[in-house]
Amino acid sequence: MAQAGLGDQLGAMAIIDELRHRQMVVDEQLDLPQRRAEVAQRIRDYYAGNGIAVDEALIEEGIRAYFDHRLEFEAGQPGKFDSGVALAYIRTVGRPG
């Protein structure tokens, strides 16, 4: 039986690192209370560092509004010009060699 080579090991490690990184991103997004608190603190620090007085209730309202709508998708309204350009592009690119 042949031994696993360095290439196999590095390939598997690359996949494992990618999966680990994806899991870290998911975990970060799922810890919403912690994420909200961190963003709010960074905003407080920014305003304080720039000598700008901002009411705490205003910061909380802004944080709440941002996080309540940050993952919503709003489809744009296609116009005739946009559709025409897209169709022209498709016809040009889709034409065989």
PDB file of N, CA and C in Angstrom:
ATOM      1  N   MET A   1       0.844  -1.166   0.000  1.00  0.00           N
ATOM      2  CA  MET A   1       0.000   0.000   0.000  1.00  0.00           C
ATOM      3  C   MET A   1       0.897   1.240   0.000  1.00  0.00           C
ATOM      4  N   ALA A   2       0.579   2.200  -0.857  1.00  0.00           N
ATOM      5  CA  ALA A   2       1.385   3.412  -0.993  1.00  0.00           C
ATOM      6  C   ALA A   2       1.066   4.392   0.126  1.00  0.00           C
ATOM      7  N   GLN A   3       2.084   5.102   0.563  1.00  0.00           N
ATOM      8  CA  GLN A   3       1.884   6.105   1.605  1.00  0.00           C
ATOM      9  C   GLN A   3       1.252   7.364   1.007  1.00  0.00           C
ATOM     10  N   ALA A   4       0.474   8.039   1.831  1.00  0.00           N
ATOM     11  CA  ALA A   4      -0.111   9.300   1.389  1.00  0.00           C
ATOM     12  C   ALA A   4       1.011  10.324   1.229  1.00  0.00           C
ATOM     13  N   GLY A   5       0.974  11.046   0.127  1.00  0.00           N
ATOM     14  CA  GLY A   5       2.010  12.031  -0.148  1.00  0.00           C
ATOM     15  C   GLY A   5       1.696  13.384   0.464  1.00  0.00           C
ATOM     16  N   LEU A   6       2.681  14.246   0.403  1.00  0.00           N
ATOM     17  CA  LEU A   6       2.538  15.592   0.931  1.00  0.00           C
ATOM     18  C   LEU A   6       1.430  16.341   0.198  1.00  0.00           C
ATOM     19  N   GLY A   7       1.308  16.109  -1.099  1.00  0.00           N
ATOM     20  CA  GLY A   7       0.257  16.768  -1.882  1.00  0.00           C
ATOM     21  C   GLY A   7      -1.131  16.412  -1.372  1.00  0.00           C
ATOM     22  N   ASP A   8      -1.339  15.134  -1.049  1.00  0.00           N
ATOM     23  CA  ASP A   8      -2.628  14.705  -0.510  1.00  0.00           C
ATOM     24  C   ASP A   8      -2.901  15.375   0.832  1.00  0.00           C
ATOM     25  N   GLN A   9      -1.880  15.420   1.662  1.00  0.00           N
ATOM     26  CA  GLN A   9      -2.028  16.032   2.976  1.00  0.00           C
ATOM     27  C   GLN A   9      -2.365  17.514   2.847  1.00  0.00           C
ATOM     28  N   LEU A  10      -1.638  18.227   1.994  1.00  0.00           N
ATOM     29  CA  LEU A  10      -1.878  19.659   1.838  1.00  0.00           C
ATOM     30  C   LEU A  10      -3.250  19.926   1.222  1.00  0.00           C
ATOM     31  N   GLY A  11      -3.659  19.081   0.281  1.00  0.00           N
ATOM     32  CA  GLY A  11      -4.981  19.240  -0.329  1.00  0.00           C
ATOM     33  C   GLY A  11      -6.089  19.067   0.698  1.00  0.00           C
ATOM     34  N   ALA A  12      -5.960  18.024   1.528  1.00  0.00           N
ATOM     35  CA  ALA A  12      -6.965  17.784   2.565  1.00  0.00           C
ATOM     36  C   ALA A  12      -6.959  18.908   3.592  1.00  0.00           C
ATOM     37  N   MET A  13      -5.779  19.396   3.954  1.00  0.00           N
ATOM     38  CA  MET A  13      -5.697  20.487   4.927  1.00  0.00           C
ATOM     39  C   MET A  13      -6.319  21.765   4.375  1.00  0.00           C
ATOM     40  N   ALA A  14      -6.159  22.013   3.085  1.00  0.00           N
ATOM     41  CA  ALA A  14      -6.768  23.200   2.478  1.00  0.00           C
ATOM     42  C   ALA A  14      -8.283  23.132   2.581  1.00  0.00           C
ATOM     43  N   ILE A  15      -8.849  21.959   2.327  1.00  0.00           N
ATOM     44  CA  ILE A  15     -10.297  21.788   2.435  1.00  0.00           C
ATOM     45  C   ILE A  15     -10.745  21.953   3.885  1.00  0.00           C
ATOM     46  N   ILE A  16     -10.017  21.372   4.802  1.00  0.00           N
ATOM     47  CA  ILE A  16     -10.365  21.478   6.224  1.00  0.00           C
ATOM     48  C   ILE A  16     -10.305  22.930   6.678  1.00  0.00           C
ATOM     49  N   ASP A  17      -9.277  23.659   6.260  1.00  0.00           N
ATOM     50  CA  ASP A  17      -9.160  25.071   6.641  1.00  0.00           C
ATOM     51  C   ASP A  17     -10.314  25.890   6.076  1.00  0.00           C
ATOM     52  N   GLU A  18     -10.713  25.595   4.845  1.00  0.00           N
ATOM     53  CA  GLU A  18     -11.846  26.304   4.243  1.00  0.00           C
ATOM     54  C   GLU A  18     -13.134  26.019   5.021  1.00  0.00           C
ATOM     55  N   LEU A  19     -13.361  24.759   5.360  1.00  0.00           N
ATOM     56  CA  LEU A  19     -14.545  24.398   6.137  1.00  0.00           C
ATOM     57  C   LEU A  19     -14.530  25.041   7.517  1.00  0.00           C
ATOM     58  N   ARG A  20     -13.378  25.080   8.137  1.00  0.00           N
ATOM     59  CA  ARG A  20     -13.226  25.700   9.451  1.00  0.00           C
ATOM     60  C   ARG A  20     -13.509  27.193   9.371  1.00  0.00           C
ATOM     61  N   HIS A  21     -13.001  27.839   8.335  1.00  0.00           N
ATOM     62  CA  HIS A  21     -13.232  29.272   8.154  1.00  0.00           C
ATOM     63  C   HIS A  21     -14.723  29.552   7.935  1.00  0.00           C
ATOM     64  N   ARG A  22     -15.371  28.748   7.108  1.00  0.00           N
ATOM     65  CA  ARG A  22     -16.812  28.922   6.876  1.00  0.00           C
ATOM     66  C   ARG A  22     -17.597  28.777   8.175  1.00  0.00           C
ATOM     67  N   GLN A  23     -17.220  27.812   8.989  1.00  0.00           N
ATOM     68  CA  GLN A  23     -17.916  27.596  10.257  1.00  0.00           C
ATOM     69  C   GLN A  23     -17.723  28.790  11.182  1.00  0.00           C
ATOM     70  N   MET A  24     -16.528  29.365  11.188  1.00  0.00           N
ATOM     71  CA  MET A  24     -16.276  30.540  12.022  1.00  0.00           C
ATOM     72  C   MET A  24     -17.160  31.712  11.582  1.00  0.00           C
ATOM     73  N   VAL A  25     -17.324  31.900  10.278  1.00  0.00           N
ATOM     74  CA  VAL A  25     -18.165  32.980   9.763  1.00  0.00           C
ATOM     75  C   VAL A  25     -19.619  32.742  10.157  1.00  0.00           C
ATOM     76  N   VAL A  26     -20.089  31.510  10.026  1.00  0.00           N
ATOM     77  CA  VAL A  26     -21.467  31.181  10.408  1.00  0.00           C
ATOM     78  C   VAL A  26     -21.672  31.414  11.896  1.00  0.00           C
ATOM     79  N   ASP A  27     -20.743  30.945  12.708  1.00  0.00           N
ATOM     80  CA  ASP A  27     -20.858  31.123  14.162  1.00  0.00           C
ATOM     81  C   ASP A  27     -20.906  32.603  14.532  1.00  0.00           C
ATOM     82  N   GLU A  28     -20.092  33.404  13.860  1.00  0.00           N
ATOM     83  CA  GLU A  28     -20.063  34.840  14.135  1.00  0.00           C
ATOM     84  C   GLU A  28     -21.413  35.473  13.796  1.00  0.00           C
ATOM     85  N   GLN A  29     -22.004  35.071  12.683  1.00  0.00           N
ATOM     86  CA  GLN A  29     -23.281  35.645  12.271  1.00  0.00           C
ATOM     87  C   GLN A  29     -24.431  35.179  13.158  1.00  0.00           C
ATOM     88  N   LEU A  30     -24.330  33.983  13.707  1.00  0.00           N
ATOM     89  CA  LEU A  30     -25.414  33.447  14.521  1.00  0.00           C
ATOM     90  C   LEU A  30     -25.450  34.021  15.938  1.00  0.00           C
ATOM     91  N   ASP A  31     -24.342  34.552  16.410  1.00  0.00           N
ATOM     92  CA  ASP A  31     -24.295  35.137  17.752  1.00  0.00           C
ATOM     93  C   ASP A  31     -24.726  36.601  17.668  1.00  0.00           C
ATOM     94  N   LEU A  32     -25.983  36.808  17.327  1.00  0.00           N
ATOM     95  CA  LEU A  32     -26.501  38.143  17.067  1.00  0.00           C
ATOM     96  C   LEU A  32     -26.409  39.090  18.260  1.00  0.00           C
ATOM     97  N   PRO A  33     -26.775  38.684  19.474  1.00  0.00           N
ATOM     98  CA  PRO A  33     -26.651  39.636  20.594  1.00  0.00           C
ATOM     99  C   PRO A  33     -25.213  40.129  20.797  1.00  0.00           C
ATOM    100  N   GLN A  34     -24.260  39.236  20.687  1.00  0.00           N
ATOM    101  CA  GLN A  34     -22.854  39.633  20.837  1.00  0.00           C
ATOM    102  C   GLN A  34     -22.434  40.567  19.708  1.00  0.00           C
ATOM    103  N   ARG A  35     -22.861  40.251  18.501  1.00  0.00           N
ATOM    104  CA  ARG A  35     -22.516  41.077  17.335  1.00  0.00           C
ATOM    105  C   ARG A  35     -23.117  42.475  17.472  1.00  0.00           C
ATOM    106  N   ARG A  36     -24.377  42.553  17.889  1.00  0.00           N
ATOM    107  CA  ARG A  36     -25.013  43.858  18.092  1.00  0.00           C
ATOM    108  C   ARG A  36     -24.260  44.675  19.142  1.00  0.00           C
ATOM    109  N   ALA A  37     -23.900  44.031  20.237  1.00  0.00           N
ATOM    110  CA  ALA A  37     -23.186  44.720  21.313  1.00  0.00           C
ATOM    111  C   ALA A  37     -21.835  45.240  20.829  1.00  0.00           C
ATOM    112  N   GLU A  38     -21.125  44.441  20.041  1.00  0.00           N
ATOM    113  CA  GLU A  38     -19.816  44.859  19.531  1.00  0.00           C
ATOM    114  C   GLU A  38     -19.941  46.037  18.574  1.00  0.00           C
ATOM    115  N   VAL A  39     -20.925  45.988  17.681  1.00  0.00           N
ATOM    116  CA  VAL A  39     -21.127  47.089  16.734  1.00  0.00           C
ATOM    117  C   VAL A  39     -21.514  48.360  17.495  1.00  0.00           C
ATOM    118  N   ALA A  40     -22.420  48.230  18.458  1.00  0.00           N
ATOM    119  CA  ALA A  40     -22.832  49.398  19.239  1.00  0.00           C
ATOM    120  C   ALA A  40     -21.637  50.012  19.971  1.00  0.00           C
ATOM    121  N   GLN A  41     -20.782  49.183  20.544  1.00  0.00           N
ATOM    122  CA  GLN A  41     -19.618  49.701  21.265  1.00  0.00           C
ATOM    123  C   GLN A  41     -18.644  50.400  20.323  1.00  0.00           C
ATOM    124  N   ARG A  42     -18.452  49.840  19.155  1.00  0.00           N
ATOM    125  CA  ARG A  42     -17.553  50.484  18.184  1.00  0.00           C
ATOM    126  C   ARG A  42     -18.100  51.834  17.760  1.00  0.00           C
ATOM    127  N   ILE A  43     -19.429  51.927  17.614  1.00  0.00           N
ATOM    128  CA  ILE A  43     -20.049  53.205  17.249  1.00  0.00           C
ATOM    129  C   ILE A  43     -19.885  54.210  18.382  1.00  0.00           C
ATOM    130  N   ARG A  44     -20.118  53.775  19.615  1.00  0.00           N
ATOM    131  CA  ARG A  44     -19.922  54.671  20.771  1.00  0.00           C
ATOM    132  C   ARG A  44     -18.483  55.188  20.801  1.00  0.00           C
ATOM    133  N   ASP A  45     -17.542  54.266  20.631  1.00  0.00           N
ATOM    134  CA  ASP A  45     -16.123  54.640  20.651  1.00  0.00           C
ATOM    135  C   ASP A  45     -15.790  55.634  19.542  1.00  0.00           C
ATOM    136  N   TYR A  46     -16.359  55.428  18.372  1.00  0.00           N
ATOM    137  CA  TYR A  46     -16.098  56.324  17.240  1.00  0.00           C
ATOM    138  C   TYR A  46     -16.588  57.729  17.554  1.00  0.00           C
ATOM    139  N   TYR A  47     -17.850  57.827  17.985  1.00  0.00           N
ATOM    140  CA  TYR A  47     -18.397  59.154  18.284  1.00  0.00           C
ATOM    141  C   TYR A  47     -17.648  59.815  19.432  1.00  0.00           C
ATOM    142  N   ALA A  48     -17.353  59.068  20.484  1.00  0.00           N
ATOM    143  CA  ALA A  48     -16.623  59.634  21.623  1.00  0.00           C
ATOM    144  C   ALA A  48     -15.232  60.094  21.189  1.00  0.00           C
ATOM    145  N   GLY A  49     -14.561  59.303  20.363  1.00  0.00           N
ATOM    146  CA  GLY A  49     -13.228  59.654  19.891  1.00  0.00           C
ATOM    147  C   GLY A  49     -13.203  60.895  19.017  1.00  0.00           C
ATOM    148  N   ASN A  50     -14.343  61.212  18.405  1.00  0.00           N
ATOM    149  CA  ASN A  50     -14.434  62.390  17.552  1.00  0.00           C
ATOM    150  C   ASN A  50     -15.150  63.554  18.234  1.00  0.00           C
ATOM    151  N   GLY A  51     -15.403  63.390  19.551  1.00  0.00           N
ATOM    152  CA  GLY A  51     -16.007  64.466  20.323  1.00  0.00           C
ATOM    153  C   GLY A  51     -17.455  64.761  19.950  1.00  0.00           C
ATOM    154  N   ILE A  52     -18.157  63.765  19.459  1.00  0.00           N
ATOM    155  CA  ILE A  52     -19.553  63.941  19.059  1.00  0.00           C
ATOM    156  C   ILE A  52     -20.450  63.308  20.112  1.00  0.00           C
ATOM    157  N   ALA A  53     -21.353  64.110  20.674  1.00  0.00           N
ATOM    158  CA  ALA A  53     -22.277  63.604  21.688  1.00  0.00           C
ATOM    159  C   ALA A  53     -23.484  62.979  20.992  1.00  0.00           C
ATOM    160  N   VAL A  54     -23.725  61.693  21.270  1.00  0.00           N
ATOM    161  CA  VAL A  54     -24.864  60.986  20.692  1.00  0.00           C
ATOM    162  C   VAL A  54     -25.603  60.291  21.819  1.00  0.00           C
ATOM    163  N   ASP A  55     -26.912  60.473  21.854  1.00  0.00           N
ATOM    164  CA  ASP A  55     -27.752  59.873  22.883  1.00  0.00           C
ATOM    165  C   ASP A  55     -27.735  58.345  22.745  1.00  0.00           C
ATOM    166  N   GLU A  56     -27.663  57.660  23.865  1.00  0.00           N
ATOM    167  CA  GLU A  56     -27.613  56.187  23.885  1.00  0.00           C
ATOM    168  C   GLU A  56     -28.855  55.587  23.223  1.00  0.00           C
ATOM    169  N   ALA A  57     -30.010  56.198  23.440  1.00  0.00           N
ATOM    170  CA  ALA A  57     -31.240  55.683  22.835  1.00  0.00           C
ATOM    171  C   ALA A  57     -31.170  55.761  21.310  1.00  0.00           C
ATOM    172  N   LEU A  58     -30.523  56.779  20.786  1.00  0.00           N
ATOM    173  CA  LEU A  58     -30.373  56.935  19.340  1.00  0.00           C
ATOM    174  C   LEU A  58     -29.463  55.848  18.774  1.00  0.00           C
ATOM    175  N   ILE A  59     -28.402  55.537  19.482  1.00  0.00           N
ATOM    176  CA  ILE A  59     -27.500  54.459  19.051  1.00  0.00           C
ATOM    177  C   ILE A  59     -28.240  53.136  19.050  1.00  0.00           C
ATOM    178  N   GLU A  60     -28.974  52.861  20.110  1.00  0.00           N
ATOM    179  CA  GLU A  60     -29.720  51.603  20.191  1.00  0.00           C
ATOM    180  C   GLU A  60     -30.767  51.500  19.088  1.00  0.00           C
ATOM    181  N   GLU A  61     -31.444  52.600  18.800  1.00  0.00           N
ATOM    182  CA  GLU A  61     -32.452  52.601  17.740  1.00  0.00           C
ATOM    183  C   GLU A  61     -31.808  52.336  16.377  1.00  0.00           C
ATOM    184  N   GLY A  62     -30.664  52.954  16.143  1.00  0.00           N
ATOM    185  CA  GLY A  62     -29.950  52.745  14.881  1.00  0.00           C
ATOM    186  C   GLY A  62     -29.459  51.317  14.732  1.00  0.00           C
ATOM    187  N   ILE A  63     -28.922  50.750  15.795  1.00  0.00           N
ATOM    188  CA  ILE A  63     -28.451  49.362  15.776  1.00  0.00           C
ATOM    189  C   ILE A  63     -29.617  48.422  15.498  1.00  0.00           C
ATOM    190  N   ARG A  64     -30.715  48.640  16.186  1.00  0.00           N
ATOM    191  CA  ARG A  64     -31.901  47.783  16.011  1.00  0.00           C
ATOM    192  C   ARG A  64     -32.401  47.862  14.559  1.00  0.00           C
ATOM    193  N   ALA A  65     -32.509  49.077  14.024  1.00  0.00           N
ATOM    194  CA  ALA A  65     -33.004  49.252  12.655  1.00  0.00           C
ATOM    195  C   ALA A  65     -32.073  48.584  11.648  1.00  0.00           C
ATOM    196  N   TYR A  66     -30.766  48.740  11.841  1.00  0.00           N
ATOM    197  CA  TYR A  66     -29.809  48.126  10.917  1.00  0.00           C
ATOM    198  C   TYR A  66     -29.928  46.604  10.935  1.00  0.00           C
ATOM    199  N   PHE A  67     -29.888  46.014  12.114  1.00  0.00           N
ATOM    200  CA  PHE A  67     -29.907  44.554  12.206  1.00  0.00           C
ATOM    201  C   PHE A  67     -31.262  43.962  11.830  1.00  0.00           C
ATOM    202  N   ASP A  68     -32.335  44.715  12.002  1.00  0.00           N
ATOM    203  CA  ASP A  68     -33.653  44.211  11.611  1.00  0.00           C
ATOM    204  C   ASP A  68     -33.796  44.088  10.101  1.00  0.00           C
ATOM    205  N   HIS A  69     -33.054  44.892   9.346  1.00  0.00           N
ATOM    206  CA  HIS A  69     -33.241  44.924   7.894  1.00  0.00           C
ATOM    207  C   HIS A  69     -31.990  44.572   7.100  1.00  0.00           C
ATOM    208  N   ARG A  70     -30.932  44.150   7.740  1.00  0.00           N
ATOM    209  CA  ARG A  70     -29.670  43.962   7.029  1.00  0.00           C
ATOM    210  C   ARG A  70     -29.670  42.787   6.069  1.00  0.00           C
ATOM    211  N   LEU A  71     -30.533  41.805   6.247  1.00  0.00           N
ATOM    212  CA  LEU A  71     -30.528  40.636   5.369  1.00  0.00           C
ATOM    213  C   LEU A  71     -31.732  40.592   4.431  1.00  0.00           C
ATOM    214  N   GLU A  72     -32.443  41.689   4.316  1.00  0.00           N
ATOM    215  CA  GLU A  72     -33.590  41.738   3.422  1.00  0.00           C
ATOM    216  C   GLU A  72     -33.122  42.054   2.006  1.00  0.00           C
ATOM    217  N   PHE A  73     -33.768  41.417   1.045  1.00  0.00           N
ATOM    218  CA  PHE A  73     -33.455  41.651  -0.364  1.00  0.00           C
ATOM    219  C   PHE A  73     -34.512  42.557  -0.964  1.00  0.00           C
ATOM    220  N   GLU A  74     -34.072  43.619  -1.614  1.00  0.00           N
ATOM    221  CA  GLU A  74     -34.979  44.508  -2.312  1.00  0.00           C
ATOM    222  C   GLU A  74     -34.617  44.475  -3.786  1.00  0.00           C
ATOM    223  N   ALA A  75     -35.509  43.901  -4.575  1.00  0.00           N
ATOM    224  CA  ALA A  75     -35.271  43.817  -6.011  1.00  0.00           C
ATOM    225  C   ALA A  75     -35.431  45.198  -6.633  1.00  0.00           C
ATOM    226  N   GLY A  76     -34.531  45.511  -7.526  1.00  0.00           N
ATOM    227  CA  GLY A  76     -34.630  46.774  -8.234  1.00  0.00           C
ATOM    228  C   GLY A  76     -35.739  46.724  -9.278  1.00  0.00           C
ATOM    229  N   GLN A  77     -36.187  47.879  -9.687  1.00  0.00           N
ATOM    230  CA  GLN A  77     -37.212  47.968 -10.713  1.00  0.00           C
ATOM    231  C   GLN A  77     -36.534  48.028 -12.075  1.00  0.00           C
ATOM    232  N   PRO A  78     -36.676  46.963 -12.878  1.00  0.00           N
ATOM    233  CA  PRO A  78     -36.027  46.987 -14.187  1.00  0.00           C
ATOM    234  C   PRO A  78     -36.708  47.992 -15.108  1.00  0.00           C
ATOM    235  N   GLY A  79     -35.904  48.686 -15.860  1.00  0.00           N
ATOM    236  CA  GLY A  79     -36.439  49.645 -16.825  1.00  0.00           C
ATOM    237  C   GLY A  79     -36.258  49.108 -18.235  1.00  0.00           C
ATOM    238  N   LYS A  80     -36.861  49.788 -19.182  1.00  0.00           N
ATOM    239  CA  LYS A  80     -36.742  49.350 -20.574  1.00  0.00           C
ATOM    240  C   LYS A  80     -35.291  49.393 -21.034  1.00  0.00           C
ATOM    241  N   PHE A  81     -34.576  50.446 -20.630  1.00  0.00           N
ATOM    242  CA  PHE A  81     -33.180  50.568 -21.047  1.00  0.00           C
ATOM    243  C   PHE A  81     -32.348  49.416 -20.490  1.00  0.00           C
ATOM    244  N   ASP A  82     -32.531  49.114 -19.217  1.00  0.00           N
ATOM    245  CA  ASP A  82     -31.783  48.022 -18.583  1.00  0.00           C
ATOM    246  C   ASP A  82     -32.066  46.702 -19.282  1.00  0.00           C
ATOM    247  N   SER A  83     -33.334  46.428 -19.564  1.00  0.00           N
ATOM    248  CA  SER A  83     -33.695  45.174 -20.222  1.00  0.00           C
ATOM    249  C   SER A  83     -33.114  45.122 -21.620  1.00  0.00           C
ATOM    250  N   GLY A  84     -33.147  46.238 -22.327  1.00  0.00           N
ATOM    251  CA  GLY A  84     -32.603  46.282 -23.691  1.00  0.00           C
ATOM    252  C   GLY A  84     -31.110  46.027 -23.711  1.00  0.00           C
ATOM    253  N   VAL A  85     -30.393  46.633 -22.799  1.00  0.00           N
ATOM    254  CA  VAL A  85     -28.944  46.433 -22.707  1.00  0.00           C
ATOM    255  C   VAL A  85     -28.637  44.976 -22.375  1.00  0.00           C
ATOM    256  N   ALA A  86     -29.379  44.406 -21.432  1.00  0.00           N
ATOM    257  CA  ALA A  86     -29.155  43.013 -21.052  1.00  0.00           C
ATOM    258  C   ALA A  86     -29.427  42.077 -22.226  1.00  0.00           C
ATOM    259  N   LEU A  87     -30.504  42.291 -22.943  1.00  0.00           N
ATOM    260  CA  LEU A  87     -30.819  41.435 -24.097  1.00  0.00           C
ATOM    261  C   LEU A  87     -29.767  41.579 -25.194  1.00  0.00           C
ATOM    262  N   ALA A  88     -29.304  42.796 -25.440  1.00  0.00           N
ATOM    263  CA  ALA A  88     -28.262  43.002 -26.447  1.00  0.00           C
ATOM    264  C   ALA A  88     -26.982  42.279 -26.055  1.00  0.00           C
ATOM    265  N   TYR A  89     -26.639  42.345 -24.789  1.00  0.00           N
ATOM    266  CA  TYR A  89     -25.433  41.663 -24.305  1.00  0.00           C
ATOM    267  C   TYR A  89     -25.569  40.154 -24.484  1.00  0.00           C
ATOM    268  N   ILE A  90     -26.723  39.627 -24.110  1.00  0.00           N
ATOM    269  CA  ILE A  90     -26.948  38.182 -24.233  1.00  0.00           C
ATOM    270  C   ILE A  90     -26.862  37.747 -25.689  1.00  0.00           C
ATOM    271  N   ARG A  91     -27.449  38.531 -26.574  1.00  0.00           N
ATOM    272  CA  ARG A  91     -27.405  38.181 -27.997  1.00  0.00           C
ATOM    273  C   ARG A  91     -25.969  38.219 -28.530  1.00  0.00           C
ATOM    274  N   THR A  92     -25.205  39.209 -28.091  1.00  0.00           N
ATOM    275  CA  THR A  92     -23.816  39.356 -28.565  1.00  0.00           C
ATOM    276  C   THR A  92     -22.927  38.252 -28.007  1.00  0.00           C
ATOM    277  N   VAL A  93     -23.011  37.987 -26.728  1.00  0.00           N
ATOM    278  CA  VAL A  93     -22.171  36.988 -26.090  1.00  0.00           C
ATOM    279  C   VAL A  93     -22.613  35.585 -26.464  1.00  0.00           C
ATOM    280  N   GLY A  94     -23.899  35.391 -26.612  1.00  0.00           N
ATOM    281  CA  GLY A  94     -24.427  34.066 -26.907  1.00  0.00           C
ATOM    282  C   GLY A  94     -24.216  33.605 -28.333  1.00  0.00           C
ATOM    283  N   ARG A  95     -23.744  34.487 -29.205  1.00  0.00           N
ATOM    284  CA  ARG A  95     -23.528  34.156 -30.606  1.00  0.00           C
ATOM    285  C   ARG A  95     -22.325  33.222 -30.752  1.00  0.00           C
ATOM    286  N   PRO A  96     -22.480  32.113 -31.471  1.00  0.00           N
ATOM    287  CA  PRO A  96     -21.342  31.208 -31.641  1.00  0.00           C
ATOM    288  C   PRO A  96     -20.218  31.869 -32.417  1.00  0.00           C
ATOM    289  N   GLY A  97     -18.976  31.549 -32.018  1.00  0.00           N
ATOM    290  CA  GLY A  97     -17.700  31.973 -32.557  1.00  0.00           C
ATOM    291  C   GLY A  97     -17.736  32.648 -33.832  1.00  0.00           C
TER     292      GLY A  97
END
